[in-house]
Amino acid sequence: IPVWPGIEDFGGAVIHAADFADPRSYDGKRVLV
């Protein structure tokens, strides 16, 4: 996962696509791909 400036201040989870799990676990959430 690239080390983008400000990523340490991001309040949500950051995952790699290899760790993408059940799509339903993202229901109701805002997602940036």
Full PDB file with SEQRES, HELIX, SHEET, SSBOND, CRYST1, ORIGX, SCALE, CONECT and MASTER records, all heavy atoms in Angstrom:
SEQRES   1 A   33  ILE PRO VAL TRP PRO GLY ILE GLU ASP PHE GLY GLY ALA          
SEQRES   2 A   33  VAL ILE HIS ALA ALA ASP PHE ALA ASP PRO ARG SER TYR          
SEQRES   3 A   33  ASP GLY LYS ARG VAL LEU VAL                                  
HELIX    1 AA1 ILE A    7  ASP A    9  5                                   3    
HELIX    2 AA2 ALA A   17  ASP A   19  5                                   3    
HELIX    3 AA3 PRO A   23  TYR A   26  5                                   4    
CRYST1    1.000    1.000    1.000  90.00  90.00  90.00 P 1           1          
ORIGX1      1.000000  0.000000  0.000000        0.00000                         
ORIGX2      0.000000  1.000000  0.000000        0.00000                         
ORIGX3      0.000000  0.000000  1.000000        0.00000                         
SCALE1      1.000000  0.000000  0.000000        0.00000                         
SCALE2      0.000000  1.000000  0.000000        0.00000                         
SCALE3      0.000000  0.000000  1.000000        0.00000                         
ATOM      1  N   ILE A   1       0.862  -1.178   0.000  1.00  0.00           N  
ATOM      2  CA  ILE A   1       0.000   0.000   0.000  1.00  0.00           C  
ATOM      3  C   ILE A   1       0.900   1.230   0.000  1.00  0.00           C  
ATOM      4  O   ILE A   1       1.762   1.369   0.869  1.00  0.00           O  
ATOM      5  CB  ILE A   1      -0.929   0.024   1.231  1.00  0.00           C  
ATOM      6  CG1 ILE A   1      -1.882  -1.177   1.191  1.00  0.00           C  
ATOM      7  CG2 ILE A   1      -1.728   1.325   1.269  1.00  0.00           C  
ATOM      8  CD1 ILE A   1      -2.811  -1.254   2.391  1.00  0.00           C  
ATOM      9  N   PRO A   2       0.734   2.126  -0.960  1.00  0.00           N  
ATOM     10  CA  PRO A   2       1.572   3.333  -0.998  1.00  0.00           C  
ATOM     11  C   PRO A   2       1.410   4.163   0.273  1.00  0.00           C  
ATOM     12  O   PRO A   2       0.347   4.177   0.897  1.00  0.00           O  
ATOM     13  CB  PRO A   2       1.045   4.091  -2.218  1.00  0.00           C  
ATOM     14  CG  PRO A   2       0.364   3.053  -3.058  1.00  0.00           C  
ATOM     15  CD  PRO A   2      -0.194   2.055  -2.100  1.00  0.00           C  
ATOM     16  N   VAL A   3       2.475   4.843   0.646  1.00  0.00           N  
ATOM     17  CA  VAL A   3       2.436   5.736   1.819  1.00  0.00           C  
ATOM     18  C   VAL A   3       2.067   7.130   1.314  1.00  0.00           C  
ATOM     19  O   VAL A   3       2.934   7.942   0.995  1.00  0.00           O  
ATOM     20  CB  VAL A   3       3.783   5.752   2.565  1.00  0.00           C  
ATOM     21  CG1 VAL A   3       3.690   6.636   3.797  1.00  0.00           C  
ATOM     22  CG2 VAL A   3       4.193   4.335   2.949  1.00  0.00           C  
ATOM     23  N   TRP A   4       0.777   7.404   1.231  1.00  0.00           N  
ATOM     24  CA  TRP A   4       0.317   8.704   0.769  1.00  0.00           C  
ATOM     25  C   TRP A   4       0.416   9.731   1.896  1.00  0.00           C  
ATOM     26  O   TRP A   4       0.177   9.402   3.065  1.00  0.00           O  
ATOM     27  CB  TRP A   4      -1.141   8.621   0.313  1.00  0.00           C  
ATOM     28  CG  TRP A   4      -1.350   7.782  -0.909  1.00  0.00           C  
ATOM     29  CD1 TRP A   4      -0.856   8.006  -2.152  1.00  0.00           C  
ATOM     30  CD2 TRP A   4      -2.128   6.585  -1.001  1.00  0.00           C  
ATOM     31  NE1 TRP A   4      -1.263   7.033  -3.017  1.00  0.00           N  
ATOM     32  CE2 TRP A   4      -2.053   6.139  -2.341  1.00  0.00           C  
ATOM     33  CE3 TRP A   4      -2.888   5.844  -0.082  1.00  0.00           C  
ATOM     34  CZ2 TRP A   4      -2.705   4.998  -2.784  1.00  0.00           C  
ATOM     35  CZ3 TRP A   4      -3.527   4.704  -0.514  1.00  0.00           C  
ATOM     36  CH2 TRP A   4      -3.436   4.289  -1.850  1.00  0.00           C  
ATOM     37  N   PRO A   5       0.753  10.977   1.578  1.00  0.00           N  
ATOM     38  CA  PRO A   5       0.776  12.026   2.605  1.00  0.00           C  
ATOM     39  C   PRO A   5      -0.582  12.161   3.286  1.00  0.00           C  
ATOM     40  O   PRO A   5      -1.616  12.219   2.615  1.00  0.00           O  
ATOM     41  CB  PRO A   5       1.130  13.291   1.806  1.00  0.00           C  
ATOM     42  CG  PRO A   5       1.835  12.790   0.590  1.00  0.00           C  
ATOM     43  CD  PRO A   5       1.186  11.470   0.260  1.00  0.00           C  
ATOM     44  N   GLY A   6      -0.582  12.165   4.617  1.00  0.00           N  
ATOM     45  CA  GLY A   6      -1.818  12.323   5.376  1.00  0.00           C  
ATOM     46  C   GLY A   6      -2.533  11.033   5.697  1.00  0.00           C  
ATOM     47  O   GLY A   6      -3.547  11.040   6.407  1.00  0.00           O  
ATOM     48  N   ILE A   7      -2.014   9.898   5.212  1.00  0.00           N  
ATOM     49  CA  ILE A   7      -2.710   8.636   5.442  1.00  0.00           C  
ATOM     50  C   ILE A   7      -2.761   8.293   6.929  1.00  0.00           C  
ATOM     51  O   ILE A   7      -3.696   7.641   7.404  1.00  0.00           O  
ATOM     52  CB  ILE A   7      -2.041   7.493   4.647  1.00  0.00           C  
ATOM     53  CG1 ILE A   7      -2.960   6.263   4.612  1.00  0.00           C  
ATOM     54  CG2 ILE A   7      -0.671   7.158   5.199  1.00  0.00           C  
ATOM     55  CD1 ILE A   7      -2.476   5.174   3.685  1.00  0.00           C  
ATOM     56  N   GLU A   8      -1.753   8.776   7.669  1.00  0.00           N  
ATOM     57  CA  GLU A   8      -1.731   8.486   9.109  1.00  0.00           C  
ATOM     58  C   GLU A   8      -2.843   9.215   9.853  1.00  0.00           C  
ATOM     59  O   GLU A   8      -3.219   8.832  10.968  1.00  0.00           O  
ATOM     60  CB  GLU A   8      -0.366   8.869   9.704  1.00  0.00           C  
ATOM     61  CG  GLU A   8      -0.041  10.349   9.680  1.00  0.00           C  
ATOM     62  CD  GLU A   8       0.516  10.821   8.338  1.00  0.00           C  
ATOM     63  OE1 GLU A   8       0.608   9.980   7.421  1.00  0.00           O  
ATOM     64  OE2 GLU A   8       0.845  12.017   8.222  1.00  0.00           O  
ATOM     65  N   ASP A   9      -3.411  10.253   9.244  1.00  0.00           N  
ATOM     66  CA  ASP A   9      -4.491  11.000   9.886  1.00  0.00           C  
ATOM     67  C   ASP A   9      -5.871  10.551   9.420  1.00  0.00           C  
ATOM     68  O   ASP A   9      -6.891  11.065   9.898  1.00  0.00           O  
ATOM     69  CB  ASP A   9      -4.325  12.501   9.600  1.00  0.00           C  
ATOM     70  CG  ASP A   9      -3.009  13.057  10.121  1.00  0.00           C  
ATOM     71  OD1 ASP A   9      -2.600  12.643  11.227  1.00  0.00           O  
ATOM     72  OD2 ASP A   9      -2.400  13.891   9.433  1.00  0.00           O  
ATOM     73  N   PHE A  10      -5.904   9.612   8.487  1.00  0.00           N  
ATOM     74  CA  PHE A  10      -7.184   9.119   7.982  1.00  0.00           C  
ATOM     75  C   PHE A  10      -7.869   8.296   9.064  1.00  0.00           C  
ATOM     76  O   PHE A  10      -7.283   7.391   9.660  1.00  0.00           O  
ATOM     77  CB  PHE A  10      -6.947   8.269   6.733  1.00  0.00           C  
ATOM     78  CG  PHE A  10      -8.200   7.652   6.158  1.00  0.00           C  
ATOM     79  CD1 PHE A  10      -9.190   8.443   5.614  1.00  0.00           C  
ATOM     80  CD2 PHE A  10      -8.375   6.282   6.181  1.00  0.00           C  
ATOM     81  CE1 PHE A  10     -10.333   7.882   5.080  1.00  0.00           C  
ATOM     82  CE2 PHE A  10      -9.517   5.705   5.654  1.00  0.00           C  
ATOM     83  CZ  PHE A  10     -10.500   6.506   5.095  1.00  0.00           C  
ATOM     84  N   GLY A  11      -9.131   8.594   9.318  1.00  0.00           N  
ATOM     85  CA  GLY A  11      -9.814   7.952  10.429  1.00  0.00           C  
ATOM     86  C   GLY A  11     -10.414   6.600  10.137  1.00  0.00           C  
ATOM     87  O   GLY A  11     -10.829   5.883  11.052  1.00  0.00           O  
ATOM     88  N   GLY A  12     -10.465   6.214   8.865  1.00  0.00           N  
ATOM     89  CA  GLY A  12     -11.068   4.938   8.509  1.00  0.00           C  
ATOM     90  C   GLY A  12     -10.045   3.838   8.318  1.00  0.00           C  
ATOM     91  O   GLY A  12      -8.853   4.003   8.580  1.00  0.00           O  
ATOM     92  N   ALA A  13     -10.525   2.700   7.850  1.00  0.00           N  
ATOM     93  CA  ALA A  13      -9.642   1.555   7.605  1.00  0.00           C  
ATOM     94  C   ALA A  13      -9.027   1.679   6.220  1.00  0.00           C  
ATOM     95  O   ALA A  13      -9.673   2.132   5.275  1.00  0.00           O  
ATOM     96  CB  ALA A  13     -10.429   0.256   7.728  1.00  0.00           C  
ATOM     97  N   VAL A  14      -7.767   1.271   6.103  1.00  0.00           N  
ATOM     98  CA  VAL A  14      -7.079   1.217   4.814  1.00  0.00           C  
ATOM     99  C   VAL A  14      -6.667  -0.231   4.579  1.00  0.00           C  
ATOM    100  O   VAL A  14      -5.893  -0.801   5.354  1.00  0.00           O  
ATOM    101  CB  VAL A  14      -5.836   2.130   4.795  1.00  0.00           C  
ATOM    102  CG1 VAL A  14      -5.143   2.045   3.430  1.00  0.00           C  
ATOM    103  CG2 VAL A  14      -6.220   3.568   5.111  1.00  0.00           C  
ATOM    104  N   ILE A  15      -7.176  -0.839   3.517  1.00  0.00           N  
ATOM    105  CA  ILE A  15      -6.871  -2.244   3.242  1.00  0.00           C  
ATOM    106  C   ILE A  15      -6.380  -2.408   1.804  1.00  0.00           C  
ATOM    107  O   ILE A  15      -6.662  -1.567   0.944  1.00  0.00           O  
ATOM    108  CB  ILE A  15      -8.094  -3.161   3.474  1.00  0.00           C  
ATOM    109  CG1 ILE A  15      -9.160  -2.891   2.413  1.00  0.00           C  
ATOM    110  CG2 ILE A  15      -8.650  -2.997   4.879  1.00  0.00           C  
ATOM    111  CD1 ILE A  15     -10.237  -3.961   2.364  1.00  0.00           C  
ATOM    112  N   HIS A  16      -5.655  -3.469   1.572  1.00  0.00           N  
ATOM    113  CA  HIS A  16      -5.251  -3.824   0.213  1.00  0.00           C  
ATOM    114  C   HIS A  16      -6.355  -4.651  -0.423  1.00  0.00           C  
ATOM    115  O   HIS A  16      -7.126  -5.319   0.276  1.00  0.00           O  
ATOM    116  CB  HIS A  16      -3.945  -4.623   0.258  1.00  0.00           C  
ATOM    117  CG  HIS A  16      -3.293  -4.789  -1.072  1.00  0.00           C  
ATOM    118  ND1 HIS A  16      -3.637  -5.804  -1.945  1.00  0.00           N  
ATOM    119  CD2 HIS A  16      -2.327  -4.065  -1.696  1.00  0.00           C  
ATOM    120  CE1 HIS A  16      -2.905  -5.697  -3.046  1.00  0.00           C  
ATOM    121  NE2 HIS A  16      -2.106  -4.664  -2.922  1.00  0.00           N  
ATOM    122  N   ALA A  17      -6.433  -4.602  -1.747  1.00  0.00           N  
ATOM    123  CA  ALA A  17      -7.466  -5.371  -2.442  1.00  0.00           C  
ATOM    124  C   ALA A  17      -7.363  -6.863  -2.147  1.00  0.00           C  
ATOM    125  O   ALA A  17      -8.370  -7.578  -2.180  1.00  0.00           O  
ATOM    126  CB  ALA A  17      -7.363  -5.133  -3.956  1.00  0.00           C  
ATOM    127  N   ALA A  18      -6.159  -7.335  -1.822  1.00  0.00           N  
ATOM    128  CA  ALA A  18      -5.985  -8.754  -1.498  1.00  0.00           C  
ATOM    129  C   ALA A  18      -6.736  -9.135  -0.233  1.00  0.00           C  
ATOM    130  O   ALA A  18      -7.053 -10.312  -0.026  1.00  0.00           O  
ATOM    131  CB  ALA A  18      -4.504  -9.077  -1.340  1.00  0.00           C  
ATOM    132  N   ASP A  19      -7.031  -8.146   0.615  1.00  0.00           N  
ATOM    133  CA  ASP A  19      -7.716  -8.411   1.883  1.00  0.00           C  
ATOM    134  C   ASP A  19      -9.196  -8.066   1.824  1.00  0.00           C  
ATOM    135  O   ASP A  19      -9.881  -8.070   2.855  1.00  0.00           O  
ATOM    136  CB  ASP A  19      -7.047  -7.613   3.018  1.00  0.00           C  
ATOM    137  CG  ASP A  19      -5.576  -7.976   3.170  1.00  0.00           C  
ATOM    138  OD1 ASP A  19      -5.272  -9.183   3.161  1.00  0.00           O  
ATOM    139  OD2 ASP A  19      -4.744  -7.060   3.290  1.00  0.00           O  
ATOM    140  N   PHE A  20      -9.694  -7.768   0.641  1.00  0.00           N  
ATOM    141  CA  PHE A  20     -11.113  -7.474   0.472  1.00  0.00           C  
ATOM    142  C   PHE A  20     -11.928  -8.702   0.853  1.00  0.00           C  
ATOM    143  O   PHE A  20     -11.689  -9.805   0.357  1.00  0.00           O  
ATOM    144  CB  PHE A  20     -11.394  -7.081  -0.974  1.00  0.00           C  
ATOM    145  CG  PHE A  20     -12.811  -6.696  -1.255  1.00  0.00           C  
ATOM    146  CD1 PHE A  20     -13.319  -5.483  -0.818  1.00  0.00           C  
ATOM    147  CD2 PHE A  20     -13.643  -7.545  -1.963  1.00  0.00           C  
ATOM    148  CE1 PHE A  20     -14.631  -5.120  -1.086  1.00  0.00           C  
ATOM    149  CE2 PHE A  20     -14.952  -7.202  -2.241  1.00  0.00           C  
ATOM    150  CZ  PHE A  20     -15.452  -5.987  -1.801  1.00  0.00           C  
ATOM    151  N   ALA A  21     -12.898  -8.513   1.727  1.00  0.00           N  
ATOM    152  CA  ALA A  21     -13.665  -9.645   2.254  1.00  0.00           C  
ATOM    153  C   ALA A  21     -15.115  -9.574   1.764  1.00  0.00           C  
ATOM    154  O   ALA A  21     -15.376  -9.196   0.633  1.00  0.00           O  
ATOM    155  CB  ALA A  21     -13.584  -9.657   3.776  1.00  0.00           C  
ATOM    156  N   ASP A  22     -16.051  -9.921   2.629  1.00  0.00           N  
ATOM    157  CA  ASP A  22     -17.466  -9.938   2.283  1.00  0.00           C  
ATOM    158  C   ASP A  22     -17.915  -8.526   1.904  1.00  0.00           C  
ATOM    159  O   ASP A  22     -17.812  -7.606   2.717  1.00  0.00           O  
ATOM    160  CB  ASP A  22     -18.269 -10.455   3.476  1.00  0.00           C  
ATOM    161  CG  ASP A  22     -19.742 -10.657   3.156  1.00  0.00           C  
ATOM    162  OD1 ASP A  22     -20.199 -10.167   2.095  1.00  0.00           O  
ATOM    163  OD2 ASP A  22     -20.446 -11.279   3.962  1.00  0.00           O  
ATOM    164  N   PRO A  23     -18.420  -8.315   0.688  1.00  0.00           N  
ATOM    165  CA  PRO A  23     -18.857  -6.968   0.286  1.00  0.00           C  
ATOM    166  C   PRO A  23     -19.922  -6.383   1.200  1.00  0.00           C  
ATOM    167  O   PRO A  23     -20.014  -5.157   1.346  1.00  0.00           O  
ATOM    168  CB  PRO A  23     -19.407  -7.190  -1.132  1.00  0.00           C  
ATOM    169  CG  PRO A  23     -18.754  -8.435  -1.608  1.00  0.00           C  
ATOM    170  CD  PRO A  23     -18.564  -9.297  -0.395  1.00  0.00           C  
ATOM    171  N   ARG A  24     -20.694  -7.236   1.845  1.00  0.00           N  
ATOM    172  CA  ARG A  24     -21.745  -6.735   2.725  1.00  0.00           C  
ATOM    173  C   ARG A  24     -21.191  -6.031   3.954  1.00  0.00           C  
ATOM    174  O   ARG A  24     -21.892  -5.248   4.598  1.00  0.00           O  
ATOM    175  CB  ARG A  24     -22.648  -7.898   3.151  1.00  0.00           C  
ATOM    176  CG  ARG A  24     -23.496  -8.475   2.013  1.00  0.00           C  
ATOM    177  CD  ARG A  24     -24.234  -9.721   2.441  1.00  0.00           C  
ATOM    178  NE  ARG A  24     -23.299 -10.774   2.829  1.00  0.00           N  
ATOM    179  CZ  ARG A  24     -23.664 -11.993   3.227  1.00  0.00           C  
ATOM    180  NH1 ARG A  24     -24.951 -12.305   3.283  1.00  0.00           N  
ATOM    181  NH2 ARG A  24     -22.758 -12.887   3.556  1.00  0.00           N  
ATOM    182  N   SER A  25     -19.927  -6.276   4.273  1.00  0.00           N  
ATOM    183  CA  SER A  25     -19.324  -5.601   5.428  1.00  0.00           C  
ATOM    184  C   SER A  25     -19.096  -4.116   5.164  1.00  0.00           C  
ATOM    185  O   SER A  25     -18.781  -3.361   6.080  1.00  0.00           O  
ATOM    186  CB  SER A  25     -17.996  -6.271   5.803  1.00  0.00           C  
ATOM    187  OG  SER A  25     -17.044  -6.130   4.759  1.00  0.00           O  
ATOM    188  N   TYR A  26     -19.276  -3.693   3.902  1.00  0.00           N  
ATOM    189  CA  TYR A  26     -19.115  -2.284   3.552  1.00  0.00           C  
ATOM    190  C   TYR A  26     -20.449  -1.566   3.412  1.00  0.00           C  
ATOM    191  O   TYR A  26     -20.479  -0.393   3.039  1.00  0.00           O  
ATOM    192  CB  TYR A  26     -18.317  -2.165   2.252  1.00  0.00           C  
ATOM    193  CG  TYR A  26     -16.958  -2.798   2.345  1.00  0.00           C  
ATOM    194  CD1 TYR A  26     -16.758  -4.108   1.915  1.00  0.00           C  
ATOM    195  CD2 TYR A  26     -15.885  -2.111   2.900  1.00  0.00           C  
ATOM    196  CE1 TYR A  26     -15.515  -4.713   2.024  1.00  0.00           C  
ATOM    197  CE2 TYR A  26     -14.643  -2.698   3.013  1.00  0.00           C  
ATOM    198  CZ  TYR A  26     -14.465  -4.002   2.571  1.00  0.00           C  
ATOM    199  OH  TYR A  26     -13.229  -4.601   2.689  1.00  0.00           O  
ATOM    200  N   ASP A  27     -21.548  -2.247   3.716  1.00  0.00           N  
ATOM    201  CA  ASP A  27     -22.869  -1.623   3.640  1.00  0.00           C  
ATOM    202  C   ASP A  27     -22.927  -0.410   4.561  1.00  0.00           C  
ATOM    203  O   ASP A  27     -22.501  -0.460   5.725  1.00  0.00           O  
ATOM    204  CB  ASP A  27     -23.957  -2.625   4.038  1.00  0.00           C  
ATOM    205  CG  ASP A  27     -24.190  -3.687   2.965  1.00  0.00           C  
ATOM    206  OD1 ASP A  27     -23.566  -3.590   1.896  1.00  0.00           O  
ATOM    207  OD2 ASP A  27     -24.983  -4.626   3.222  1.00  0.00           O  
ATOM    208  N   GLY A  28     -23.449   0.689   4.014  1.00  0.00           N  
ATOM    209  CA  GLY A  28     -23.603   1.909   4.800  1.00  0.00           C  
ATOM    210  C   GLY A  28     -22.322   2.719   4.952  1.00  0.00           C  
ATOM    211  O   GLY A  28     -22.333   3.755   5.619  1.00  0.00           O  
ATOM    212  N   LYS A  29     -21.249   2.301   4.334  1.00  0.00           N  
ATOM    213  CA  LYS A  29     -19.973   3.000   4.482  1.00  0.00           C  
ATOM    214  C   LYS A  29     -19.607   3.734   3.199  1.00  0.00           C  
ATOM    215  O   LYS A  29     -20.064   3.395   2.112  1.00  0.00           O  
ATOM    216  CB  LYS A  29     -18.865   2.014   4.854  1.00  0.00           C  
ATOM    217  CG  LYS A  29     -19.100   1.325   6.187  1.00  0.00           C  
ATOM    218  CD  LYS A  29     -17.966   0.373   6.515  1.00  0.00           C  
ATOM    219  CE  LYS A  29     -18.181  -0.295   7.867  1.00  0.00           C  
ATOM    220  NZ  LYS A  29     -17.090  -1.230   8.210  1.00  0.00           N  
ATOM    221  N   ARG A  30     -18.753   4.740   3.364  1.00  0.00           N  
ATOM    222  CA  ARG A  30     -18.208   5.455   2.213  1.00  0.00           C  
ATOM    223  C   ARG A  30     -16.861   4.830   1.856  1.00  0.00           C  
ATOM    224  O   ARG A  30     -16.010   4.674   2.714  1.00  0.00           O  
ATOM    225  CB  ARG A  30     -18.049   6.934   2.539  1.00  0.00           C  
ATOM    226  CG  ARG A  30     -19.399   7.638   2.793  1.00  0.00           C  
ATOM    227  CD  ARG A  30     -19.194   9.094   3.132  1.00  0.00           C  
ATOM    228  NE  ARG A  30     -18.515   9.246   4.415  1.00  0.00           N  
ATOM    229  CZ  ARG A  30     -17.927  10.366   4.822  1.00  0.00           C  
ATOM    230  NH1 ARG A  30     -17.907  11.426   4.023  1.00  0.00           N  
ATOM    231  NH2 ARG A  30     -17.359  10.431   6.002  1.00  0.00           N  
ATOM    232  N   VAL A  31     -16.708   4.495   0.591  1.00  0.00           N  
ATOM    233  CA  VAL A  31     -15.540   3.723   0.173  1.00  0.00           C  
ATOM    234  C   VAL A  31     -14.836   4.421  -0.991  1.00  0.00           C  
ATOM    235  O   VAL A  31     -15.479   4.813  -1.968  1.00  0.00           O  
ATOM    236  CB  VAL A  31     -15.934   2.290  -0.249  1.00  0.00           C  
ATOM    237  CG1 VAL A  31     -14.695   1.476  -0.599  1.00  0.00           C  
ATOM    238  CG2 VAL A  31     -16.746   1.600   0.853  1.00  0.00           C  
ATOM    239  N   LEU A  32     -13.523   4.557  -0.879  1.00  0.00           N  
ATOM    240  CA  LEU A  32     -12.693   5.027  -1.984  1.00  0.00           C  
ATOM    241  C   LEU A  32     -11.844   3.857  -2.463  1.00  0.00           C  
ATOM    242  O   LEU A  32     -11.103   3.254  -1.684  1.00  0.00           O  
ATOM    243  CB  LEU A  32     -11.772   6.164  -1.522  1.00  0.00           C  
ATOM    244  CG  LEU A  32     -10.644   6.554  -2.498  1.00  0.00           C  
ATOM    245  CD1 LEU A  32     -11.224   7.115  -3.792  1.00  0.00           C  
ATOM    246  CD2 LEU A  32      -9.675   7.528  -1.850  1.00  0.00           C  
ATOM    247  N   VAL A  33     -11.948   3.526  -3.747  1.00  0.00           N  
ATOM    248  CA  VAL A  33     -11.128   2.487  -4.352  1.00  0.00           C  
ATOM    249  C   VAL A  33     -10.052   3.174  -5.188  1.00  0.00           C  
ATOM    250  O   VAL A  33     -10.369   3.960  -6.092  1.00  0.00           O  
ATOM    251  CB  VAL A  33     -11.968   1.544  -5.228  1.00  0.00           C  
ATOM    252  CG1 VAL A  33     -11.080   0.485  -5.872  1.00  0.00           C  
ATOM    253  CG2 VAL A  33     -13.060   0.877  -4.395  1.00  0.00           C  
TER     254      VAL A  33                                                      
MASTER        0    0    0    3    0    0    0    6  253    1    0    3          
END                                                                             
